[in-house]
Amino acid sequence: MNRLLLLALSIYLSSATSKADVKSWPQWRGPDASGHAFEGKFPAEWSANKNLIWKTSLPGRGHSSAVHENGLIWITTALETPASEKEKQERLKANDGLSTVTVLSEVSLRALQVEPKTGKILQNIEVIRKKQPQWVHHLNSYASPSPVIEANRLYLHFGAYGNACLDSSSGEIIWKNTQKELWVMHENGPGSSPIIFENLLIFHLDGSDKQSVVALYKDTGKIAWQTKRSGKMKENPQLQKSYSTPIVEILNGQSVLISCGADWVYGYNPRNGAELWKINYGVLGFSNVARPIIGHGMLYISTCFMKAEIHAYRYQGLEKPELVWKMIKGAPKMPSPILVGKQLYVINDGGILTCVNAISGDLIWRERIGGEFSASPTYANGLLYFSNRDGKTIVIKPGKELNIIAENTIDGTAHMASITPFQNSFLLRSEEGLYRIGKK
């Protein structure tokens, strides 16, 4: 083999290895949905003048988190055309829910590819356009579900407005599904993010009118299965909706889709949608936002609205999970909990941070850290990051007492999206734009 050929082979192998070594963040809350970052040297402190690699304004508005694979960064947004006051008042006559909503005449739902070195928007692709879309709550957006990226495919879910698959390199739309069987009334807008399991794209459609879990074939976008919620709920349709994102875990040797809906947490066979078990919360729980987490042979969920509770269920060796303990004070309605070792950390919407023993539920400490929270926390570099609606990220060191390491503000606008780790930096979305935070 001549020297030129050896050199070419060496360059190819080096390139292939570097690509394979790039750690991905393919979905909301990371590869295993735990909120734990891959190993890296992530910043603990930042501001507009410190540890800021770039900032970029994003067109439109959205609360989705960025995802990435092999250096390709994608995020979603919505371009909004407000309704006139006359149109707004006419359409809101049919509103039986909250009055604090945004009403549009038209919305353009888009996927944005962002260049990692500069933050430049490389592609701005309209995926779905909808006239007179459903209203959304003012704390929500039309682009709140985070996408999923896998094997050079970007999968998008915009709630009842539809689903799509893009080539993550070229941006070409491979398929789109907006069929009427997948239409529900969200009332407060789309919120549940999709997940990938084997050959399926799975998501929740829990509206005030209909409630189901759906799987599409990820190669074609056609419906593989759709399972209606079977649990009895309150008669008021406003108490039947939900916005939680499911997870798939191996429970006792079997893959189980763990899915929080109104008043019930369900276990399904993710391959065919067959219901395996369901557990009633025992309290009113709806408009679920927080995502379940798993650890220590246990399942942790939030019942969300009205008065939230954290429930811990043991599943190891059991046909159906059994309740072990509850946390009824300081539970979140929107942020997901996070597990660090044997400690469960829970930030509620009002800024109260609670640390409990994850196995027994015993309180370790509870402190107010200030602000209002919607985003779910991230664990990286041995630290916990909590971003709030005041535009501040509070960094704490886990332990037996509250230990605040830093309080970081970058533009002062709300952080509704969760932080995305990228290489040795963070992608942080605010109402103002997208930021890459780390050492230059």
Protein backbone atom coordinates (compact mmCIF):
# COMPACT_ATOMS: atom_id res chain seq x y z
CA MET A 1 0.00 0.00 0.00
CA ASN A 2 1.60 3.33 -1.01
CA ARG A 3 2.09 6.25 1.35
CA LEU A 4 -0.60 8.39 -0.33
CA LEU A 5 -3.21 5.67 0.11
CA LEU A 6 -2.19 5.16 3.75
CA LEU A 7 -2.52 8.89 4.39
CA ALA A 8 -5.99 8.99 2.81
CA LEU A 9 -7.10 5.99 4.87
CA SER A 10 -5.73 7.59 8.03
CA ILE A 11 -7.65 10.81 7.37
CA TYR A 12 -10.86 8.86 6.67
CA LEU A 13 -10.57 6.79 9.86
CA SER A 14 -9.77 9.89 11.90
CA SER A 15 -12.83 11.68 10.51
CA ALA A 16 -15.08 8.66 11.10
CA THR A 17 -13.80 8.27 14.67
CA SER A 18 -14.28 11.95 15.51
CA LYS A 19 -17.86 11.84 14.21
CA ALA A 20 -18.62 8.69 16.18
CA ASP A 21 -17.13 10.27 19.32
CA VAL A 22 -19.46 13.29 19.17
CA LYS A 23 -21.94 12.81 22.00
CA SER A 24 -25.51 13.44 20.92
CA TRP A 25 -28.53 14.91 22.70
CA PRO A 26 -31.25 13.33 20.54
CA GLN A 27 -34.38 14.20 22.50
CA TRP A 28 -35.77 16.34 25.31
CA ARG A 29 -33.91 15.57 28.56
CA GLY A 30 -31.19 13.62 26.78
CA PRO A 31 -30.48 10.10 25.50
CA ASP A 32 -32.04 8.33 28.48
CA ALA A 33 -34.54 11.08 29.37
CA SER A 34 -32.90 11.58 32.78
CA GLY A 35 -31.70 15.16 32.28
CA HIS A 36 -28.10 13.96 32.87
CA ALA A 37 -25.47 15.33 30.49
CA PHE A 38 -22.68 13.25 29.00
CA GLU A 39 -19.20 13.75 30.45
CA GLY A 40 -17.72 17.13 29.64
CA LYS A 41 -16.27 20.38 30.96
CA PHE A 42 -19.43 22.46 31.19
CA PRO A 43 -19.46 26.06 32.47
CA ALA A 44 -20.85 26.88 35.90
CA GLU A 45 -20.90 30.65 35.36
CA TRP A 46 -21.90 32.87 32.46
CA SER A 47 -23.29 36.26 31.52
CA ALA A 48 -23.54 38.46 28.44
CA ASN A 49 -19.80 39.15 28.90
CA LYS A 50 -18.54 35.83 30.21
CA ASN A 51 -18.40 32.34 28.68
CA LEU A 52 -20.64 33.35 25.78
CA ILE A 53 -19.54 31.69 22.52
CA TRP A 54 -22.37 33.11 20.41
CA LYS A 55 -25.94 34.33 20.49
CA THR A 56 -28.46 34.25 17.68
CA SER A 57 -31.97 35.58 17.29
CA LEU A 58 -34.48 32.93 16.29
CA PRO A 59 -37.37 33.89 14.03
CA GLY A 60 -40.79 33.37 15.55
CA ARG A 61 -41.41 31.96 19.01
CA GLY A 62 -41.09 28.55 20.64
CA HIS A 63 -40.29 26.71 23.87
CA SER A 64 -38.75 23.55 22.42
CA SER A 65 -35.23 22.52 23.39
CA ALA A 66 -32.49 22.04 20.82
CA VAL A 67 -31.39 18.53 19.80
CA HIS A 68 -28.22 17.46 18.03
CA GLU A 69 -26.42 14.52 16.47
CA ASN A 70 -23.01 14.42 14.74
CA GLY A 71 -22.71 18.18 15.05
CA LEU A 72 -26.10 18.91 13.46
CA ILE A 73 -28.19 21.20 15.70
CA TRP A 74 -31.94 21.56 15.17
CA ILE A 75 -34.69 23.44 17.00
CA THR A 76 -38.29 24.34 16.17
CA THR A 77 -40.16 27.63 16.09
CA ALA A 78 -43.51 29.13 15.09
CA LEU A 79 -44.11 32.29 13.06
CA GLU A 80 -47.30 33.81 14.44
CA THR A 81 -49.85 36.02 12.71
CA PRO A 82 -52.05 37.49 15.47
CA ALA A 83 -55.81 37.46 15.06
CA SER A 84 -57.64 40.76 14.91
CA GLU A 85 -59.53 41.74 18.05
CA LYS A 86 -62.82 41.02 16.30
CA GLU A 87 -61.70 37.56 15.19
CA LYS A 88 -60.27 36.85 18.64
CA GLN A 89 -63.49 37.72 20.46
CA GLU A 90 -65.58 35.69 18.02
CA ARG A 91 -63.44 32.58 18.30
CA LEU A 92 -63.11 32.76 22.08
CA LYS A 93 -66.88 32.32 22.42
CA ALA A 94 -66.11 28.60 22.12
CA ASN A 95 -63.42 28.74 24.82
CA ASP A 96 -64.53 26.77 27.89
CA GLY A 97 -61.06 26.82 29.46
CA LEU A 98 -58.67 29.53 30.62
CA SER A 99 -58.98 33.08 29.33
CA THR A 100 -55.19 33.69 29.37
CA VAL A 101 -54.61 32.49 25.82
CA THR A 102 -52.97 33.60 22.58
CA VAL A 103 -55.20 33.62 19.48
CA LEU A 104 -53.70 33.61 15.99
CA SER A 105 -55.05 34.11 12.50
CA GLU A 106 -52.31 31.86 11.10
CA VAL A 107 -49.20 29.98 12.24
CA SER A 108 -46.20 28.68 10.31
CA LEU A 109 -44.49 25.77 12.10
CA ARG A 110 -40.81 25.52 11.27
CA ALA A 111 -37.58 23.60 11.80
CA LEU A 112 -34.32 25.55 12.12
CA GLN A 113 -30.81 24.16 11.64
CA VAL A 114 -28.15 26.12 13.53
CA GLU A 115 -24.43 26.22 12.73
CA PRO A 116 -22.57 25.13 15.91
CA LYS A 117 -19.51 27.38 15.55
CA THR A 118 -21.29 30.67 14.84
CA GLY A 119 -24.99 30.22 15.65
CA LYS A 120 -25.91 31.13 12.09
CA ILE A 121 -29.25 29.74 10.93
CA LEU A 122 -28.37 27.40 8.07
CA GLN A 123 -31.89 26.22 7.22
CA ASN A 124 -35.34 27.62 7.99
CA ILE A 125 -37.91 25.12 6.77
CA GLU A 126 -41.65 25.53 6.90
CA VAL A 127 -43.11 22.15 7.83
CA ILE A 128 -46.78 22.96 8.45
CA ARG A 129 -48.93 26.07 7.93
CA LYS A 130 -52.29 26.35 9.68
CA LYS A 131 -55.00 29.01 9.41
CA GLN A 132 -56.98 29.83 12.57
CA PRO A 133 -55.05 27.40 14.76
CA GLN A 134 -56.25 26.50 18.24
CA TRP A 135 -55.41 29.07 20.89
CA VAL A 136 -52.56 28.36 23.32
CA HIS A 137 -51.97 29.37 26.93
CA HIS A 138 -49.81 32.48 27.27
CA LEU A 139 -47.14 30.38 29.06
CA ASN A 140 -47.09 27.94 26.15
CA SER A 141 -46.11 28.27 22.48
CA TYR A 142 -47.04 26.69 19.17
CA ALA A 143 -43.58 25.08 19.04
CA SER A 144 -43.18 23.62 22.53
CA PRO A 145 -42.65 19.90 21.73
CA SER A 146 -38.95 19.22 21.23
CA PRO A 147 -37.94 17.23 18.13
CA VAL A 148 -36.06 13.91 18.04
CA ILE A 149 -32.96 13.32 15.91
CA GLU A 150 -31.73 9.85 14.99
CA ALA A 151 -29.65 8.33 12.19
CA ASN A 152 -29.76 11.39 9.91
CA ARG A 153 -33.49 11.89 10.43
CA LEU A 154 -35.23 14.70 12.31
CA TYR A 155 -38.69 13.83 13.65
CA LEU A 156 -41.10 16.66 14.42
CA HIS A 157 -44.32 16.65 16.40
CA PHE A 158 -46.54 19.74 16.60
CA GLY A 159 -49.40 18.19 18.56
CA ALA A 160 -52.69 18.05 16.68
CA TYR A 161 -51.23 20.12 13.83
CA GLY A 162 -49.19 17.19 12.61
CA ASN A 163 -45.94 15.28 12.40
CA ALA A 164 -43.08 15.17 9.95
CA CYS A 165 -39.70 13.63 9.20
CA LEU A 166 -36.82 15.58 7.67
CA ASP A 167 -33.41 14.59 6.40
CA SER A 168 -31.27 16.19 9.11
CA SER A 169 -28.48 17.07 6.68
CA SER A 170 -30.37 18.39 3.65
CA GLY A 171 -33.60 19.48 5.36
CA GLU A 172 -35.67 17.61 2.77
CA ILE A 173 -39.13 16.67 4.06
CA ILE A 174 -39.32 12.87 3.82
CA TRP A 175 -42.90 12.49 5.05
CA LYS A 176 -45.66 14.45 6.69
CA ASN A 177 -48.77 13.28 8.55
CA THR A 178 -51.62 15.71 9.30
CA GLN A 179 -54.51 13.23 9.12
CA LYS A 180 -57.75 13.91 10.99
CA GLU A 181 -57.46 10.78 13.17
CA LEU A 182 -54.66 12.62 15.01
CA TRP A 183 -56.65 15.77 15.75
CA VAL A 184 -57.52 16.71 19.34
CA MET A 185 -58.42 19.92 21.17
CA HIS A 186 -55.36 20.78 23.27
CA GLU A 187 -57.06 23.82 24.87
CA ASN A 188 -53.67 25.24 25.99
CA GLY A 189 -51.63 24.26 22.94
CA PRO A 190 -49.29 21.34 22.16
CA GLY A 191 -46.80 20.32 24.82
CA SER A 192 -45.89 16.63 24.73
CA SER A 193 -42.62 15.78 22.97
CA PRO A 194 -42.27 12.65 20.81
CA ILE A 195 -39.93 9.71 21.41
CA ILE A 196 -38.38 7.04 19.20
CA PHE A 197 -38.65 3.35 20.03
CA GLU A 198 -37.24 0.87 17.53
CA ASN A 199 -39.13 1.58 14.25
CA LEU A 200 -41.78 3.82 15.87
CA LEU A 201 -42.35 7.50 16.62
CA ILE A 202 -44.54 7.62 19.76
CA PHE A 203 -46.40 10.58 21.28
CA HIS A 204 -49.38 11.57 23.43
CA LEU A 205 -52.59 13.15 22.13
CA ASP A 206 -54.47 13.99 25.33
CA GLY A 207 -57.00 16.68 24.49
CA SER A 208 -60.15 17.83 26.24
CA ASP A 209 -62.21 15.90 23.66
CA LYS A 210 -60.15 12.74 22.99
CA GLN A 211 -57.22 11.07 24.72
CA SER A 212 -54.86 8.49 23.22
CA VAL A 213 -51.27 7.38 22.76
CA VAL A 214 -50.09 7.08 19.15
CA ALA A 215 -47.25 5.37 17.31
CA LEU A 216 -46.30 6.14 13.70
CA TYR A 217 -43.93 4.08 11.61
CA LYS A 218 -40.88 6.31 11.59
CA ASP A 219 -39.99 5.43 7.99
CA THR A 220 -43.37 6.33 6.47
CA GLY A 221 -45.35 8.38 9.01
CA LYS A 222 -48.30 5.99 8.79
CA ILE A 223 -50.18 5.03 11.96
CA ALA A 224 -48.83 1.82 13.50
CA TRP A 225 -51.18 1.85 16.51
CA GLN A 226 -53.39 4.22 18.47
CA THR A 227 -54.57 3.30 21.96
CA LYS A 228 -57.36 5.18 23.71
CA ARG A 229 -56.96 6.00 27.39
CA SER A 230 -59.03 3.52 29.39
CA GLY A 231 -59.00 5.11 32.85
CA LYS A 232 -62.13 6.83 34.11
CA MET A 233 -61.63 10.58 34.46
CA LYS A 234 -63.57 13.55 35.80
CA GLU A 235 -66.59 14.54 33.68
CA ASN A 236 -65.32 18.07 33.06
CA PRO A 237 -63.40 17.93 29.72
CA GLN A 238 -60.97 20.56 31.02
CA LEU A 239 -59.75 17.99 33.56
CA GLN A 240 -59.07 15.31 30.93
CA LYS A 241 -56.19 16.91 28.99
CA SER A 242 -52.50 16.24 29.47
CA TYR A 243 -49.12 17.38 28.05
CA SER A 244 -46.62 14.90 29.47
CA THR A 245 -43.91 13.09 27.48
CA PRO A 246 -43.61 9.30 27.85
CA ILE A 247 -40.50 7.20 28.37
CA VAL A 248 -39.68 3.59 27.53
CA GLU A 249 -37.85 1.56 30.17
CA ILE A 250 -37.04 -2.08 30.75
CA LEU A 251 -39.20 -3.15 33.69
CA ASN A 252 -38.58 -6.70 34.86
CA GLY A 253 -37.11 -7.70 31.52
CA GLN A 254 -39.88 -6.15 29.38
CA SER A 255 -39.92 -2.87 27.46
CA VAL A 256 -42.70 -0.70 28.92
CA LEU A 257 -43.95 2.67 27.70
CA ILE A 258 -44.58 4.69 30.87
CA SER A 259 -47.18 7.31 30.13
CA CYS A 260 -48.76 9.94 32.40
CA GLY A 261 -52.27 11.03 31.46
CA ALA A 262 -55.02 12.78 33.37
CA ASP A 263 -55.67 10.97 36.71
CA TRP A 264 -53.71 7.85 35.68
CA VAL A 265 -50.21 6.63 34.92
CA TYR A 266 -50.22 3.83 32.35
CA GLY A 267 -47.87 1.09 31.23
CA TYR A 268 -48.12 0.03 27.55
CA ASN A 269 -46.35 -2.41 25.30
CA PRO A 270 -44.53 0.10 23.04
CA ARG A 271 -44.50 -2.29 20.09
CA ASN A 272 -48.29 -2.63 19.75
CA GLY A 273 -49.85 -0.17 22.22
CA ALA A 274 -51.44 -2.89 24.38
CA GLU A 275 -52.20 -1.63 27.88
CA LEU A 276 -50.23 -3.60 30.49
CA TRP A 277 -51.37 -1.80 33.64
CA LYS A 278 -52.68 1.50 34.93
CA ILE A 279 -52.58 3.19 38.33
CA ASN A 280 -54.94 5.91 39.55
CA TYR A 281 -53.23 8.83 41.26
CA GLY A 282 -55.83 8.87 44.01
CA VAL A 283 -55.96 12.65 43.63
CA LEU A 284 -57.04 14.96 40.82
CA GLY A 285 -54.16 15.14 38.36
CA PHE A 286 -54.37 16.62 34.86
CA SER A 287 -52.57 18.97 32.43
CA ASN A 288 -49.53 16.82 33.16
CA VAL A 289 -46.28 18.34 31.95
CA ALA A 290 -43.49 16.74 34.01
CA ARG A 291 -41.81 13.68 32.47
CA PRO A 292 -41.44 10.44 34.51
CA ILE A 293 -37.98 9.31 35.61
CA ILE A 294 -36.61 5.93 36.65
CA GLY A 295 -34.02 4.78 39.19
CA HIS A 296 -33.38 2.37 42.06
CA GLY A 297 -36.02 -0.01 40.76
CA MET A 298 -38.57 2.79 41.12
CA LEU A 299 -40.67 5.08 38.96
CA TYR A 300 -41.14 8.77 39.91
CA ILE A 301 -43.96 10.94 38.55
CA SER A 302 -45.69 14.24 39.25
CA THR A 303 -49.50 14.35 39.26
CA CYS A 304 -49.20 18.02 38.12
CA PHE A 305 -52.44 20.09 38.35
CA MET A 306 -54.45 20.76 40.66
CA LYS A 307 -52.38 20.30 43.85
CA ALA A 308 -49.32 18.49 42.61
CA GLU A 309 -47.82 15.48 44.31
CA ILE A 310 -44.71 13.41 43.61
CA HIS A 311 -45.45 9.67 43.62
CA ALA A 312 -42.77 6.97 43.82
CA TYR A 313 -43.69 3.44 42.68
CA ARG A 314 -41.60 0.32 43.06
CA TYR A 315 -41.68 -1.95 40.01
CA GLN A 316 -38.83 -4.42 40.54
CA GLY A 317 -40.19 -7.96 40.64
CA LEU A 318 -43.82 -6.79 40.45
CA GLU A 319 -46.39 -7.32 37.69
CA LYS A 320 -47.78 -3.85 38.43
CA PRO A 321 -45.89 -1.01 40.14
CA GLU A 322 -46.87 -0.28 43.75
CA LEU A 323 -46.88 3.09 45.51
CA VAL A 324 -44.03 3.39 48.03
CA TRP A 325 -44.18 7.03 49.07
CA LYS A 326 -45.67 10.42 48.23
CA MET A 327 -44.38 13.97 48.48
CA ILE A 328 -47.36 16.27 48.93
CA LYS A 329 -45.57 19.55 49.69
CA GLY A 330 -43.49 21.47 47.17
CA ALA A 331 -44.29 19.26 44.16
CA PRO A 332 -44.10 20.71 40.62
CA LYS A 333 -46.85 21.20 38.07
CA MET A 334 -44.48 21.76 35.14
CA PRO A 335 -40.75 21.07 35.81
CA SER A 336 -39.68 17.41 35.82
CA PRO A 337 -37.82 15.98 38.84
CA ILE A 338 -34.20 14.87 38.56
CA LEU A 339 -32.34 12.05 40.28
CA VAL A 340 -28.73 12.35 41.47
CA GLY A 341 -27.52 9.23 43.24
CA LYS A 342 -30.00 8.45 46.00
CA GLN A 343 -31.30 12.01 46.13
CA LEU A 344 -34.36 13.22 44.20
CA TYR A 345 -34.41 16.96 43.46
CA VAL A 346 -37.72 18.66 42.77
CA ILE A 347 -38.14 22.33 41.80
CA ASN A 348 -41.74 23.49 41.84
CA ASP A 349 -43.26 26.24 39.75
CA GLY A 350 -42.96 28.74 42.62
CA GLY A 351 -39.22 28.33 43.13
CA ILE A 352 -39.17 25.93 46.08
CA LEU A 353 -36.39 23.35 45.70
CA THR A 354 -36.80 20.10 47.62
CA CYS A 355 -34.30 17.30 48.13
CA VAL A 356 -35.61 13.94 49.37
CA ASN A 357 -34.24 10.46 49.79
CA ALA A 358 -35.27 8.80 46.53
CA ILE A 359 -35.79 5.39 48.12
CA SER A 360 -37.65 6.32 51.32
CA GLY A 361 -39.06 9.74 50.42
CA ASP A 362 -37.65 11.23 53.63
CA LEU A 363 -37.08 14.98 53.45
CA ILE A 364 -33.41 16.00 53.37
CA TRP A 365 -33.97 19.73 52.88
CA ARG A 366 -36.36 22.22 51.33
CA GLU A 367 -35.41 25.81 50.43
CA ARG A 368 -36.81 28.65 48.33
CA ILE A 369 -34.38 29.68 45.58
CA GLY A 370 -36.64 32.32 44.02
CA GLY A 371 -38.37 32.87 40.73
CA GLU A 372 -40.99 30.90 38.81
CA PHE A 373 -40.04 27.75 36.92
CA SER A 374 -41.31 25.88 33.87
CA ALA A 375 -38.13 24.35 32.41
CA SER A 376 -36.85 21.00 33.65
CA PRO A 377 -33.40 20.87 35.30
CA THR A 378 -30.14 19.49 33.87
CA TYR A 379 -27.30 17.70 35.66
CA ALA A 380 -23.80 18.24 34.27
CA ASN A 381 -20.25 18.29 35.62
CA GLY A 382 -21.50 17.25 39.06
CA LEU A 383 -23.80 20.31 39.24
CA LEU A 384 -27.54 20.93 38.89
CA TYR A 385 -28.83 23.73 36.65
CA PHE A 386 -32.29 25.26 37.22
CA SER A 387 -33.48 27.89 34.71
CA ASN A 388 -36.45 30.12 35.55
CA ARG A 389 -38.95 32.46 33.94
CA ASP A 390 -36.97 35.51 35.13
CA GLY A 391 -34.15 34.57 32.78
CA LYS A 392 -31.87 33.27 35.53
CA THR A 393 -30.11 29.90 35.81
CA ILE A 394 -29.31 28.89 39.38
CA VAL A 395 -26.49 26.36 39.73
CA ILE A 396 -26.27 24.20 42.85
CA LYS A 397 -23.96 21.49 44.08
CA PRO A 398 -25.95 18.41 45.17
CA GLY A 399 -25.63 17.54 48.82
CA LYS A 400 -27.24 17.39 52.25
CA GLU A 401 -27.90 21.15 52.26
CA LEU A 402 -28.55 23.86 49.70
CA ASN A 403 -25.26 25.00 48.14
CA ILE A 404 -25.69 27.63 45.43
CA ILE A 405 -22.60 27.84 43.21
CA ALA A 406 -23.74 30.56 40.80
CA GLU A 407 -26.71 32.60 39.58
CA ASN A 408 -26.40 33.37 35.88
CA THR A 409 -28.37 35.87 33.80
CA ILE A 410 -27.78 36.43 30.10
CA ASP A 411 -30.62 38.53 28.68
CA GLY A 412 -33.28 38.66 31.39
CA THR A 413 -36.02 37.00 29.35
CA ALA A 414 -37.78 33.80 30.32
CA HIS A 415 -36.16 30.36 30.03
CA MET A 416 -39.06 28.06 29.16
CA ALA A 417 -36.92 25.45 27.38
CA SER A 418 -34.58 23.03 29.12
CA ILE A 419 -30.81 23.35 28.67
CA THR A 420 -29.18 21.21 25.95
CA PRO A 421 -25.58 20.08 26.54
CA PHE A 422 -23.46 20.33 23.38
CA GLN A 423 -19.83 19.19 23.48
CA ASN A 424 -18.34 21.18 26.43
CA SER A 425 -21.00 23.88 26.27
CA PHE A 426 -24.72 24.50 26.72
CA LEU A 427 -27.38 25.54 24.23
CA LEU A 428 -29.72 27.80 26.16
CA ARG A 429 -32.96 29.08 24.66
CA SER A 430 -34.63 32.18 26.03
CA GLU A 431 -37.51 34.27 24.72
CA GLU A 432 -34.81 36.46 23.14
CA GLY A 433 -32.95 33.77 21.19
CA LEU A 434 -30.52 30.86 21.34
CA TYR A 435 -27.15 31.02 23.11
CA ARG A 436 -24.13 28.77 23.14
CA ILE A 437 -22.44 29.02 26.52
CA GLY A 438 -18.92 27.74 27.22
CA LYS A 439 -15.27 28.62 26.91
CA LYS A 440 -14.20 30.00 23.54
